[in-house]
N, C-alpha and C. Protein backbone atom coordinates (compact mmCIF):
# COMPACT_ATOMS: atom_id res chain seq x y z
N MET A 1 -6.44 -18.27 -7.46
CA MET A 1 -5.79 -17.70 -6.38
C MET A 1 -4.67 -18.28 -5.69
N LEU A 2 -4.81 -19.64 -5.67
CA LEU A 2 -3.75 -20.22 -5.06
C LEU A 2 -2.30 -19.89 -5.83
N ALA A 3 -2.35 -20.08 -7.17
CA ALA A 3 -1.24 -19.58 -7.89
C ALA A 3 -0.80 -18.27 -7.55
N LEU A 4 -1.69 -17.41 -7.47
CA LEU A 4 -1.38 -15.92 -7.28
C LEU A 4 -0.78 -15.93 -5.77
N LEU A 5 -1.19 -16.23 -5.00
CA LEU A 5 -0.68 -16.30 -3.54
C LEU A 5 0.89 -17.01 -3.55
N GLY A 6 0.94 -18.02 -4.26
CA GLY A 6 2.15 -18.51 -4.27
C GLY A 6 3.23 -17.57 -4.70
N LEU A 7 2.96 -16.70 -5.54
CA LEU A 7 3.97 -15.79 -6.00
C LEU A 7 4.73 -14.88 -4.91
N LEU A 8 3.69 -14.84 -3.77
CA LEU A 8 4.32 -14.18 -2.64
C LEU A 8 5.38 -14.59 -1.80
N THR A 9 5.74 -15.77 -2.37
CA THR A 9 6.64 -16.77 -1.26
C THR A 9 8.12 -17.02 -2.14
N VAL A 10 7.97 -16.85 -3.56
CA VAL A 10 9.23 -17.19 -4.33
C VAL A 10 10.30 -16.26 -3.98
N PRO A 11 11.53 -16.47 -4.45
CA PRO A 11 12.79 -15.63 -4.08
C PRO A 11 12.59 -14.29 -4.76
N ALA A 12 13.14 -13.25 -4.66
CA ALA A 12 13.17 -12.10 -5.13
C ALA A 12 13.61 -12.35 -6.71
N VAL A 13 12.95 -11.78 -7.42
CA VAL A 13 13.21 -11.57 -9.09
C VAL A 13 13.27 -10.11 -9.58
N ARG A 14 13.62 -10.17 -10.99
CA ARG A 14 13.95 -8.74 -11.53
C ARG A 14 12.64 -8.01 -11.40
N ALA A 15 12.64 -6.79 -11.55
CA ALA A 15 11.44 -5.64 -11.60
C ALA A 15 10.61 -6.00 -12.41
N ASP A 16 11.11 -6.54 -13.59
CA ASP A 16 10.09 -6.87 -14.80
C ASP A 16 9.63 -8.15 -15.11
N GLU A 17 9.45 -8.85 -14.13
CA GLU A 17 9.07 -10.28 -14.21
C GLU A 17 7.60 -10.54 -13.76
N LEU A 18 6.56 -9.51 -13.53
CA LEU A 18 5.21 -9.75 -13.24
C LEU A 18 4.52 -9.01 -14.18
N TYR A 19 3.56 -9.81 -14.85
CA TYR A 19 2.58 -9.24 -15.76
C TYR A 19 1.18 -9.81 -15.72
N SER A 20 0.42 -9.00 -16.07
CA SER A 20 -1.04 -9.30 -15.98
C SER A 20 -2.14 -9.04 -17.16
N TYR A 21 -3.21 -9.26 -17.38
CA TYR A 21 -4.10 -8.78 -18.12
C TYR A 21 -5.43 -9.42 -17.68
N ARG A 22 -6.72 -8.67 -17.91
CA ARG A 22 -7.92 -9.16 -17.54
C ARG A 22 -8.54 -9.56 -18.72
N ASP A 23 -9.27 -10.83 -19.04
CA ASP A 23 -9.65 -11.34 -20.22
C ASP A 23 -11.22 -10.89 -19.95
N SER A 24 -12.02 -11.14 -21.28
CA SER A 24 -13.39 -10.77 -21.55
C SER A 24 -14.55 -11.22 -20.53
N GLU A 25 -14.18 -12.14 -19.80
CA GLU A 25 -15.00 -12.60 -18.62
C GLU A 25 -14.73 -11.94 -17.13
N GLY A 26 -13.68 -10.94 -17.27
CA GLY A 26 -13.25 -10.25 -16.14
C GLY A 26 -12.14 -11.12 -15.13
N VAL A 27 -11.62 -12.08 -15.75
CA VAL A 27 -10.74 -12.78 -15.00
C VAL A 27 -9.45 -12.29 -15.04
N ILE A 28 -8.47 -11.96 -13.71
CA ILE A 28 -7.34 -11.24 -14.11
C ILE A 28 -6.23 -12.46 -13.96
N HIS A 29 -5.53 -12.32 -15.02
CA HIS A 29 -4.30 -13.49 -15.24
C HIS A 29 -2.94 -12.87 -15.11
N PHE A 30 -2.05 -13.57 -14.24
CA PHE A 30 -0.77 -13.13 -13.95
C PHE A 30 0.21 -14.29 -14.51
N SER A 31 1.33 -13.63 -14.72
CA SER A 31 2.42 -14.65 -15.27
C SER A 31 3.83 -13.83 -15.24
N ASN A 32 4.79 -14.44 -15.04
CA ASN A 32 6.19 -13.86 -15.09
C ASN A 32 6.85 -14.40 -16.39
N VAL A 33 6.03 -15.14 -17.15
CA VAL A 33 6.44 -15.32 -18.49
C VAL A 33 5.53 -15.29 -19.36
N PRO A 34 5.16 -13.92 -19.73
CA PRO A 34 3.99 -13.68 -20.71
C PRO A 34 3.99 -14.15 -22.03
N THR A 35 2.89 -14.93 -22.30
CA THR A 35 2.61 -15.59 -23.74
C THR A 35 1.58 -15.10 -24.61
N GLU A 36 0.78 -14.05 -24.08
CA GLU A 36 -0.05 -13.53 -24.81
C GLU A 36 0.34 -11.86 -25.09
N ARG A 37 -0.01 -11.07 -26.05
CA ARG A 37 0.26 -10.09 -26.46
C ARG A 37 -0.19 -8.79 -25.43
N GLN A 38 -1.64 -9.51 -24.82
CA GLN A 38 -2.42 -8.45 -23.99
C GLN A 38 -1.76 -8.52 -22.41
N TYR A 39 -0.79 -9.23 -22.16
CA TYR A 39 0.02 -8.84 -20.96
C TYR A 39 0.76 -7.81 -20.85
N ARG A 40 0.69 -6.97 -19.78
CA ARG A 40 1.24 -5.89 -19.36
C ARG A 40 1.91 -5.85 -18.11
N ARG A 41 3.14 -5.09 -17.91
CA ARG A 41 3.90 -5.25 -16.66
C ARG A 41 3.14 -4.59 -15.55
N ILE A 42 3.12 -5.02 -14.60
CA ILE A 42 2.14 -4.36 -13.19
C ILE A 42 2.97 -4.07 -12.08
N ALA A 43 4.03 -4.75 -11.95
CA ALA A 43 4.60 -4.56 -10.46
C ALA A 43 5.97 -4.98 -10.26
N VAL A 44 6.64 -4.29 -9.39
CA VAL A 44 7.99 -4.53 -8.99
C VAL A 44 7.86 -5.50 -7.74
N TRP A 45 9.12 -6.01 -7.54
CA TRP A 45 9.26 -7.08 -6.27
C TRP A 45 10.30 -6.85 -5.46
N LYS A 46 10.21 -7.03 -4.34
CA LYS A 46 11.41 -6.78 -3.44
C LYS A 46 11.38 -7.91 -2.18
N THR A 47 12.22 -8.80 -1.96
CA THR A 47 12.34 -9.50 -0.90
C THR A 47 12.51 -8.73 0.41
N THR A 48 11.75 -8.94 1.45
CA THR A 48 11.57 -8.22 2.60
C THR A 48 12.19 -8.90 3.87
N ARG A 49 11.66 -10.04 4.22
CA ARG A 49 11.98 -10.67 5.03
C ARG A 49 11.41 -12.39 5.05
N ASP A 50 12.53 -13.09 5.51
CA ASP A 50 12.10 -14.57 5.43
C ASP A 50 11.61 -15.12 4.28
N GLY A 51 12.14 -14.66 3.17
CA GLY A 51 12.03 -15.06 1.68
C GLY A 51 10.65 -14.66 1.35
N VAL A 52 9.92 -13.72 1.94
CA VAL A 52 8.51 -13.30 1.68
C VAL A 52 8.61 -12.02 0.79
N THR A 53 8.10 -12.04 -0.42
CA THR A 53 8.21 -10.99 -1.54
C THR A 53 7.37 -10.00 -1.12
N GLN A 54 7.46 -8.63 -1.27
CA GLN A 54 6.49 -7.65 -1.29
C GLN A 54 6.08 -7.21 -2.63
N ILE A 55 4.96 -7.17 -2.89
CA ILE A 55 4.75 -6.56 -4.34
C ILE A 55 4.09 -5.36 -4.20
N VAL A 56 4.75 -4.08 -5.00
CA VAL A 56 4.06 -2.85 -5.04
C VAL A 56 3.71 -2.76 -6.36
N ILE A 57 2.37 -2.52 -6.62
CA ILE A 57 1.78 -2.50 -7.91
C ILE A 57 1.56 -1.00 -8.31
N ARG A 58 1.57 -0.90 -9.72
CA ARG A 58 1.71 0.37 -10.20
C ARG A 58 0.18 0.58 -10.53
N GLY A 59 -0.05 1.67 -10.80
CA GLY A 59 -1.36 2.28 -10.88
C GLY A 59 -2.16 2.35 -12.13
N SER A 60 -3.37 1.92 -12.02
CA SER A 60 -4.39 2.01 -13.28
C SER A 60 -5.54 1.15 -12.73
N ASP A 61 -6.66 1.20 -13.42
CA ASP A 61 -7.87 0.73 -12.83
C ASP A 61 -7.83 -1.00 -12.80
N ARG A 62 -6.91 -1.40 -13.81
CA ARG A 62 -6.94 -2.89 -13.89
C ARG A 62 -6.06 -3.41 -12.63
N VAL A 63 -4.94 -2.72 -12.54
CA VAL A 63 -4.08 -3.07 -11.45
C VAL A 63 -4.69 -2.90 -10.12
N GLN A 64 -5.43 -1.85 -9.93
CA GLN A 64 -6.10 -1.51 -8.67
C GLN A 64 -7.03 -2.85 -8.14
N ARG A 65 -7.71 -3.34 -9.15
CA ARG A 65 -8.62 -4.49 -9.02
C ARG A 65 -7.70 -5.72 -8.61
N ALA A 66 -6.52 -5.91 -9.44
CA ALA A 66 -5.55 -6.91 -8.93
C ALA A 66 -5.01 -6.72 -7.58
N ARG A 67 -4.63 -5.54 -7.27
CA ARG A 67 -4.27 -5.26 -5.90
C ARG A 67 -5.48 -5.80 -4.79
N LEU A 68 -6.57 -5.65 -5.14
CA LEU A 68 -7.62 -5.82 -4.13
C LEU A 68 -7.65 -7.52 -4.19
N VAL A 69 -7.31 -8.05 -5.06
CA VAL A 69 -7.15 -9.66 -4.99
C VAL A 69 -6.14 -9.97 -3.94
N PHE A 70 -5.09 -9.27 -3.71
CA PHE A 70 -4.08 -9.62 -2.71
C PHE A 70 -4.62 -9.19 -1.37
N SER A 71 -5.38 -7.86 -1.46
CA SER A 71 -5.66 -7.39 -0.27
C SER A 71 -6.96 -8.24 0.33
N SER A 72 -7.76 -8.69 -0.26
CA SER A 72 -9.08 -9.69 0.07
C SER A 72 -8.73 -10.92 0.66
N ALA A 73 -7.52 -11.56 -0.03
CA ALA A 73 -6.79 -12.68 0.51
C ALA A 73 -6.30 -12.47 1.91
N ALA A 74 -5.70 -11.49 2.18
CA ALA A 74 -5.12 -10.99 3.24
C ALA A 74 -6.09 -10.85 4.43
N ALA A 75 -7.05 -10.00 3.93
CA ALA A 75 -8.01 -9.86 4.90
C ALA A 75 -8.54 -11.04 5.70
N ARG A 76 -9.04 -12.00 4.73
CA ARG A 76 -9.48 -13.41 4.92
C ARG A 76 -8.60 -14.11 5.86
N LEU A 77 -7.18 -13.91 5.76
CA LEU A 77 -6.31 -14.56 6.44
C LEU A 77 -6.24 -13.97 7.77
N TYR A 78 -6.51 -12.99 7.93
CA TYR A 78 -6.48 -12.22 9.33
C TYR A 78 -7.70 -11.91 9.60
N GLU A 79 -8.65 -12.22 9.45
CA GLU A 79 -10.23 -11.86 9.71
C GLU A 79 -10.35 -11.93 11.09
N PRO A 80 -9.89 -12.84 11.83
CA PRO A 80 -10.18 -13.19 13.46
C PRO A 80 -9.58 -11.72 14.21
N HIS A 81 -8.39 -11.63 13.80
CA HIS A 81 -7.72 -10.18 14.50
C HIS A 81 -8.56 -9.06 14.23
N ILE A 82 -8.80 -8.88 12.94
CA ILE A 82 -9.68 -7.72 12.49
C ILE A 82 -10.91 -7.54 13.15
N VAL A 83 -11.66 -8.73 13.38
CA VAL A 83 -12.96 -8.78 13.86
C VAL A 83 -12.79 -8.39 15.17
N ALA A 84 -11.66 -9.03 16.03
CA ALA A 84 -11.56 -8.82 17.38
C ALA A 84 -11.43 -7.30 17.54
N ALA A 85 -10.31 -6.84 17.02
CA ALA A 85 -10.00 -5.18 17.13
C ALA A 85 -11.00 -4.41 16.70
N ALA A 86 -11.85 -4.68 15.77
CA ALA A 86 -12.75 -3.71 15.24
C ALA A 86 -13.97 -3.72 16.42
N GLU A 87 -14.39 -5.15 17.06
CA GLU A 87 -15.35 -4.83 18.07
C GLU A 87 -14.74 -4.20 19.28
N LYS A 88 -13.61 -4.28 19.65
CA LYS A 88 -12.93 -3.79 20.81
C LYS A 88 -12.95 -2.29 20.78
N TYR A 89 -12.70 -1.73 19.71
CA TYR A 89 -12.37 -0.15 19.45
C TYR A 89 -13.64 0.31 18.57
N ARG A 90 -14.72 -0.36 18.38
CA ARG A 90 -15.96 0.18 17.80
C ARG A 90 -15.74 0.78 16.19
N LEU A 91 -15.13 -0.13 15.50
CA LEU A 91 -14.94 0.07 14.31
C LEU A 91 -15.49 -0.87 13.47
N ALA A 92 -15.51 -0.51 12.05
CA ALA A 92 -16.20 -1.32 11.05
C ALA A 92 -15.04 -2.28 10.65
N PRO A 93 -15.33 -3.71 10.64
CA PRO A 93 -14.24 -4.50 10.18
C PRO A 93 -13.84 -4.09 8.78
N ALA A 94 -14.53 -3.59 7.95
CA ALA A 94 -14.21 -3.23 6.51
C ALA A 94 -13.34 -2.12 6.53
N LEU A 95 -13.27 -1.04 7.41
CA LEU A 95 -12.63 0.22 7.52
C LEU A 95 -11.20 -0.48 7.87
N LEU A 96 -10.86 -1.32 8.74
CA LEU A 96 -9.60 -1.97 9.36
C LEU A 96 -9.09 -2.46 8.15
N LYS A 97 -9.83 -3.48 7.34
CA LYS A 97 -9.28 -4.12 6.06
C LYS A 97 -8.97 -2.97 5.19
N ALA A 98 -9.61 -1.86 4.96
CA ALA A 98 -9.24 -1.06 4.01
C ALA A 98 -7.73 -0.23 4.45
N VAL A 99 -7.80 0.19 5.57
CA VAL A 99 -6.52 0.75 6.04
C VAL A 99 -5.43 -0.14 5.87
N MET A 100 -5.47 -1.52 6.30
CA MET A 100 -4.41 -2.42 6.22
C MET A 100 -4.05 -2.59 4.58
N SER A 101 -5.10 -2.61 3.78
CA SER A 101 -4.93 -2.79 2.42
C SER A 101 -3.97 -1.82 1.74
N VAL A 102 -4.15 -0.72 2.07
CA VAL A 102 -3.63 0.57 1.63
C VAL A 102 -2.23 0.64 2.31
N GLU A 103 -2.17 0.42 3.74
CA GLU A 103 -0.79 0.62 4.25
C GLU A 103 0.13 -0.59 3.87
N SER A 104 -0.24 -1.67 3.71
CA SER A 104 0.80 -2.85 3.42
C SER A 104 0.21 -3.83 2.46
N ALA A 105 -0.89 -3.81 1.76
CA ALA A 105 -1.54 -4.79 0.74
C ALA A 105 -1.35 -6.07 1.67
N GLY A 106 -1.60 -6.09 2.98
CA GLY A 106 -1.55 -7.22 3.66
C GLY A 106 -0.41 -8.03 3.96
N ASN A 107 0.74 -7.31 3.58
CA ASN A 107 1.95 -8.04 4.03
C ASN A 107 2.53 -7.60 5.39
N ARG A 108 2.44 -8.74 6.32
CA ARG A 108 2.81 -8.59 7.70
C ARG A 108 4.33 -7.96 8.01
N TYR A 109 5.08 -8.38 6.87
CA TYR A 109 6.41 -7.81 7.00
C TYR A 109 6.88 -6.43 6.29
N ALA A 110 6.06 -5.74 5.89
CA ALA A 110 6.21 -4.53 5.26
C ALA A 110 6.61 -3.56 6.24
N GLN A 111 7.75 -2.80 5.52
CA GLN A 111 8.53 -1.78 6.38
C GLN A 111 8.77 -0.71 5.36
N SER A 112 8.27 0.49 5.99
CA SER A 112 8.71 1.63 5.14
C SER A 112 10.01 2.23 5.18
N ALA A 113 10.48 3.12 4.32
CA ALA A 113 11.70 3.67 4.44
C ALA A 113 11.65 4.51 5.73
N LYS A 114 10.67 5.11 6.13
CA LYS A 114 10.45 5.77 7.33
C LYS A 114 10.62 4.93 8.72
N GLY A 115 10.38 3.54 8.66
CA GLY A 115 10.38 2.50 9.71
C GLY A 115 9.09 2.13 10.41
N ALA A 116 8.09 2.46 9.48
CA ALA A 116 6.73 2.09 9.68
C ALA A 116 6.68 0.35 9.69
N MET A 117 5.96 -0.25 10.42
CA MET A 117 6.06 -1.65 10.47
C MET A 117 4.69 -2.36 10.46
N GLY A 118 4.68 -3.50 9.66
CA GLY A 118 3.71 -4.47 9.79
C GLY A 118 2.46 -4.22 8.86
N LEU A 119 1.34 -4.85 9.12
CA LEU A 119 0.18 -4.79 8.44
C LEU A 119 -0.36 -3.14 8.50
N MET A 120 -0.30 -2.81 9.72
CA MET A 120 -1.00 -1.31 9.72
C MET A 120 0.00 -0.37 9.85
N GLN A 121 1.30 -0.45 9.33
CA GLN A 121 2.21 0.23 9.29
C GLN A 121 2.52 1.35 10.63
N LEU A 122 2.76 0.70 11.64
CA LEU A 122 3.00 1.38 12.95
C LEU A 122 4.17 2.15 12.83
N MET A 123 4.44 3.23 13.29
CA MET A 123 5.83 3.96 13.34
C MET A 123 6.05 3.34 14.84
N PRO A 124 7.55 3.40 15.26
CA PRO A 124 7.85 2.67 16.47
C PRO A 124 7.28 3.53 17.54
N GLY A 125 7.41 4.84 17.65
CA GLY A 125 6.75 5.49 18.67
C GLY A 125 5.20 5.08 19.01
N THR A 126 4.70 5.11 17.76
CA THR A 126 3.25 5.06 17.80
C THR A 126 3.04 3.64 18.53
N ALA A 127 3.80 2.58 18.13
CA ALA A 127 3.65 1.12 18.58
C ALA A 127 3.59 1.10 20.11
N ARG A 128 4.68 2.05 20.45
CA ARG A 128 4.97 2.02 22.07
C ARG A 128 3.69 2.67 22.52
N GLU A 129 3.16 3.71 22.14
CA GLU A 129 1.84 4.45 22.62
C GLU A 129 0.79 3.45 22.64
N MET A 130 0.80 2.66 21.68
CA MET A 130 -0.37 1.69 21.57
C MET A 130 -0.38 0.54 22.54
N GLN A 131 0.98 0.27 23.06
CA GLN A 131 1.18 -1.00 23.91
C GLN A 131 1.35 -1.95 23.05
N VAL A 132 1.85 -1.79 21.98
CA VAL A 132 2.23 -2.90 20.87
C VAL A 132 3.67 -3.55 21.42
N ARG A 133 3.95 -4.57 21.93
CA ARG A 133 5.24 -5.21 22.22
C ARG A 133 5.78 -5.67 20.83
N ASP A 134 5.18 -6.30 20.10
CA ASP A 134 5.87 -6.63 18.81
C ASP A 134 5.14 -6.35 17.85
N ALA A 135 5.50 -5.45 17.01
CA ALA A 135 4.88 -4.81 15.70
C ALA A 135 4.94 -5.94 14.64
N TRP A 136 5.71 -6.75 14.79
CA TRP A 136 5.47 -7.79 13.52
C TRP A 136 4.58 -8.86 13.61
N ASP A 137 4.00 -8.81 15.07
CA ASP A 137 2.99 -9.78 15.47
C ASP A 137 1.65 -9.26 14.76
N PRO A 138 0.74 -9.98 13.74
CA PRO A 138 -0.46 -9.54 13.43
C PRO A 138 -1.35 -9.30 14.16
N ALA A 139 -1.63 -9.88 15.17
CA ALA A 139 -2.79 -9.67 16.21
C ALA A 139 -2.45 -8.10 16.74
N GLN A 140 -1.27 -8.16 17.34
CA GLN A 140 -0.92 -6.78 18.05
C GLN A 140 -0.93 -5.57 16.95
N ASN A 141 -0.45 -6.06 16.02
CA ASN A 141 -0.18 -4.83 14.77
C ASN A 141 -1.64 -4.28 14.59
N ILE A 142 -2.63 -5.21 14.15
CA ILE A 142 -3.74 -4.91 13.87
C ILE A 142 -4.63 -4.23 15.03
N GLU A 143 -4.31 -4.72 16.05
CA GLU A 143 -4.91 -4.12 17.53
C GLU A 143 -4.35 -2.57 17.66
N GLY A 144 -3.22 -2.62 17.55
CA GLY A 144 -2.57 -1.21 17.81
C GLY A 144 -3.03 -0.17 16.72
N GLY A 145 -3.14 -0.51 15.41
CA GLY A 145 -3.40 0.16 14.58
C GLY A 145 -5.02 0.57 14.59
N ALA A 146 -5.80 -0.52 15.15
CA ALA A 146 -7.19 -0.07 15.34
C ALA A 146 -7.48 0.79 16.54
N ARG A 147 -6.47 0.76 17.50
CA ARG A 147 -6.77 1.68 18.69
C ARG A 147 -6.10 3.06 18.35
N TYR A 148 -5.27 3.10 17.68
CA TYR A 148 -4.76 4.49 17.14
C TYR A 148 -6.02 5.27 16.21
N LEU A 149 -6.44 4.39 15.28
CA LEU A 149 -7.57 4.89 14.48
C LEU A 149 -8.63 5.46 15.25
N ARG A 150 -9.11 4.52 16.32
CA ARG A 150 -10.05 5.25 17.06
C ARG A 150 -9.74 6.53 17.93
N GLN A 151 -8.45 6.54 18.20
CA GLN A 151 -8.04 7.84 18.92
C GLN A 151 -8.23 8.80 17.91
N MET A 152 -7.77 8.77 16.80
CA MET A 152 -7.91 9.96 15.48
C MET A 152 -9.30 10.31 15.21
N LEU A 153 -10.15 9.14 15.47
CA LEU A 153 -11.63 9.42 15.22
C LEU A 153 -12.29 10.17 16.03
N ASP A 154 -12.09 10.01 17.45
CA ASP A 154 -12.51 10.69 18.55
C ASP A 154 -11.96 12.13 18.69
N LEU A 155 -10.55 12.25 18.17
CA LEU A 155 -9.88 13.70 18.18
C LEU A 155 -10.38 14.41 17.11
N HIS A 156 -11.03 13.87 15.99
CA HIS A 156 -11.43 14.71 14.93
C HIS A 156 -13.10 14.54 14.63
N GLY A 157 -13.74 14.42 15.79
CA GLY A 157 -15.20 14.44 15.95
C GLY A 157 -15.84 13.31 15.13
N GLN A 158 -15.30 12.21 14.81
CA GLN A 158 -15.69 10.98 14.13
C GLN A 158 -15.88 11.38 12.54
N ASP A 159 -15.04 12.29 12.01
CA ASP A 159 -14.84 12.75 10.66
C ASP A 159 -13.92 11.60 10.07
N LEU A 160 -14.29 10.87 9.23
CA LEU A 160 -13.30 9.79 8.95
C LEU A 160 -12.43 10.06 7.79
N ASP A 161 -12.43 11.11 7.20
CA ASP A 161 -11.43 11.87 6.19
C ASP A 161 -10.42 12.42 6.91
N LYS A 162 -10.77 13.12 8.16
CA LYS A 162 -9.70 13.95 8.87
C LYS A 162 -8.80 12.70 9.79
N ALA A 163 -9.62 11.93 10.11
CA ALA A 163 -8.95 10.69 10.86
C ALA A 163 -8.06 10.07 10.19
N LEU A 164 -8.44 9.61 8.95
CA LEU A 164 -7.44 8.97 7.99
C LEU A 164 -6.24 9.83 7.71
N ALA A 165 -6.63 11.15 7.63
CA ALA A 165 -5.55 11.85 7.06
C ALA A 165 -4.52 12.08 8.31
N ALA A 166 -4.88 12.09 9.48
CA ALA A 166 -4.20 12.04 10.98
C ALA A 166 -3.44 10.71 10.83
N TYR A 167 -4.17 9.63 10.45
CA TYR A 167 -3.22 8.54 10.73
C TYR A 167 -2.26 8.40 9.65
N ASN A 168 -2.25 8.88 8.43
CA ASN A 168 -1.38 8.93 7.45
C ASN A 168 -0.17 10.06 7.80
N ALA A 169 -0.69 11.27 8.05
CA ALA A 169 0.42 12.44 8.04
C ALA A 169 0.67 12.82 9.53
N GLY A 170 -0.10 12.35 10.51
CA GLY A 170 -0.03 12.83 12.06
C GLY A 170 -1.22 13.88 12.34
N PRO A 171 -1.54 13.89 13.44
CA PRO A 171 -2.55 14.86 13.89
C PRO A 171 -1.95 16.27 13.74
N GLN A 172 -0.67 16.44 14.07
CA GLN A 172 -0.25 17.83 14.01
C GLN A 172 -0.57 18.27 12.46
N ALA A 173 -0.22 17.50 11.44
CA ALA A 173 -0.48 18.16 10.15
C ALA A 173 -1.94 18.34 9.76
N VAL A 174 -2.83 17.64 10.51
CA VAL A 174 -4.34 18.21 10.29
C VAL A 174 -4.44 19.52 11.00
N ARG A 175 -3.90 19.50 12.22
CA ARG A 175 -4.04 20.72 13.17
C ARG A 175 -3.63 21.87 12.34
N ARG A 176 -2.21 21.79 11.91
CA ARG A 176 -1.71 23.01 11.07
C ARG A 176 -2.43 23.31 9.82
N SER A 177 -3.39 22.48 9.34
CA SER A 177 -4.34 22.72 8.22
C SER A 177 -5.51 23.32 8.75
N GLY A 178 -5.63 23.82 9.84
CA GLY A 178 -6.67 24.26 10.47
C GLY A 178 -8.00 23.29 10.63
N GLY A 179 -7.47 22.24 11.15
CA GLY A 179 -8.39 20.91 11.19
C GLY A 179 -8.85 20.06 9.98
N GLU A 180 -8.33 20.62 8.87
CA GLU A 180 -9.05 19.78 7.53
C GLU A 180 -7.93 18.91 7.16
N VAL A 181 -8.43 18.06 6.15
CA VAL A 181 -7.37 17.35 5.49
C VAL A 181 -6.13 18.07 4.79
N PRO A 182 -4.95 17.99 5.16
CA PRO A 182 -3.86 18.76 4.70
C PRO A 182 -3.88 18.67 3.28
N ASN A 183 -3.34 19.76 2.39
CA ASN A 183 -3.07 19.83 0.92
C ASN A 183 -1.78 19.03 0.74
N ILE A 184 -1.62 17.90 1.05
CA ILE A 184 -0.47 17.06 0.72
C ILE A 184 -1.01 15.69 -0.02
N ARG A 185 -0.36 15.77 -1.49
CA ARG A 185 -1.01 14.92 -2.47
C ARG A 185 -1.14 13.39 -1.92
N GLU A 186 0.18 13.18 -1.19
CA GLU A 186 0.21 11.70 -0.54
C GLU A 186 -0.90 11.47 0.27
N THR A 187 -1.21 12.46 1.23
CA THR A 187 -2.13 12.30 1.99
C THR A 187 -3.71 12.43 1.50
N ARG A 188 -3.92 13.13 0.51
CA ARG A 188 -5.17 13.17 -0.09
C ARG A 188 -5.43 11.90 -0.95
N ASP A 189 -4.31 11.30 -1.47
CA ASP A 189 -4.40 10.04 -2.20
C ASP A 189 -4.68 8.87 -1.22
N TYR A 190 -4.05 9.15 -0.05
CA TYR A 190 -4.27 8.02 0.90
C TYR A 190 -5.71 7.90 1.43
N VAL A 191 -6.33 9.06 1.55
CA VAL A 191 -7.53 9.15 2.19
C VAL A 191 -8.51 8.64 1.03
N ARG A 192 -8.42 8.95 -0.44
CA ARG A 192 -9.20 8.73 -1.24
C ARG A 192 -9.09 6.91 -1.41
N LYS A 193 -7.76 6.36 -1.31
CA LYS A 193 -7.65 5.09 -1.56
C LYS A 193 -8.37 4.25 -0.49
N VAL A 194 -8.38 4.70 0.69
CA VAL A 194 -8.90 3.76 1.71
C VAL A 194 -10.34 4.03 1.80
N GLN A 195 -10.97 5.19 1.24
CA GLN A 195 -12.29 5.03 0.96
C GLN A 195 -12.73 4.20 -0.15
N GLU A 196 -12.06 4.00 -1.23
CA GLU A 196 -12.31 3.19 -2.07
C GLU A 196 -11.91 1.81 -1.71
N HIS A 197 -11.15 1.32 -1.12
CA HIS A 197 -11.06 0.05 -0.45
C HIS A 197 -12.17 -0.25 0.72
N TYR A 198 -12.27 0.65 1.29
CA TYR A 198 -13.58 0.55 2.21
C TYR A 198 -14.73 0.11 1.65
N ASN A 199 -15.09 0.91 0.46
CA ASN A 199 -16.37 0.61 -0.35
C ASN A 199 -16.24 -0.92 -0.83
N HIS A 200 -15.19 -1.22 -1.35
CA HIS A 200 -14.89 -2.63 -1.68
C HIS A 200 -14.99 -3.71 -0.67
N PHE A 201 -14.65 -3.49 0.40
CA PHE A 201 -14.98 -4.54 1.38
C PHE A 201 -16.37 -4.49 2.11
N VAL A 202 -17.11 -3.21 2.13
CA VAL A 202 -18.30 -3.20 2.44
C VAL A 202 -19.43 -3.97 1.53
N THR A 203 -18.74 -4.09 0.06
CA THR A 203 -19.85 -4.75 -0.72
C THR A 203 -19.51 -5.86 -1.16
N GLU A 204 -17.98 -6.47 -0.60
CA GLU A 204 -17.52 -7.69 -1.19
C GLU A 204 -18.43 -8.91 -0.44
N ARG A 205 -18.62 -10.00 -1.29
CA ARG A 205 -19.47 -11.11 -0.89
C ARG A 205 -18.57 -12.14 -0.45
């Protein structure tokens, strides 16, 4: 785990330099210099801020488990902020961890092409509405995301799928879809992934 987390702070490297495989005992191995035939390329890298490297992991069951390694480590790192926001807005901590994992994989410096920022990927307008002064501050970002998620749950009758769809695509998209999860592939994938991560964090020991 320590070696894995250390990869997050190295300078930017080429897109083909991270490989992984899972051995017969279920241990996931990572390397930027693969020495075994079973290694497979799993990620692209991009330096985002202050030398911190964001890892975008490609899809597969094996890589999904690898992504959860990153997500779980980040969740433990920000546990006090997650618990405080969950208690304040009456949410399950596992749900906030799941949203944070899918939104940013626990990278506090993540920024989308559309300008969403931080752990919970708050858009600038949403951050202002949620009274977040510094969207790069983990505590403020997590609280802002929790507050917005609570609003989406209240707006959609505590229906988690609809609330997550609204968090991803905006409440207007849900409204235009007749109050249902929009038939948008990205949004449907987002809802599914958050639910999968939620189940992981609920059962994680």
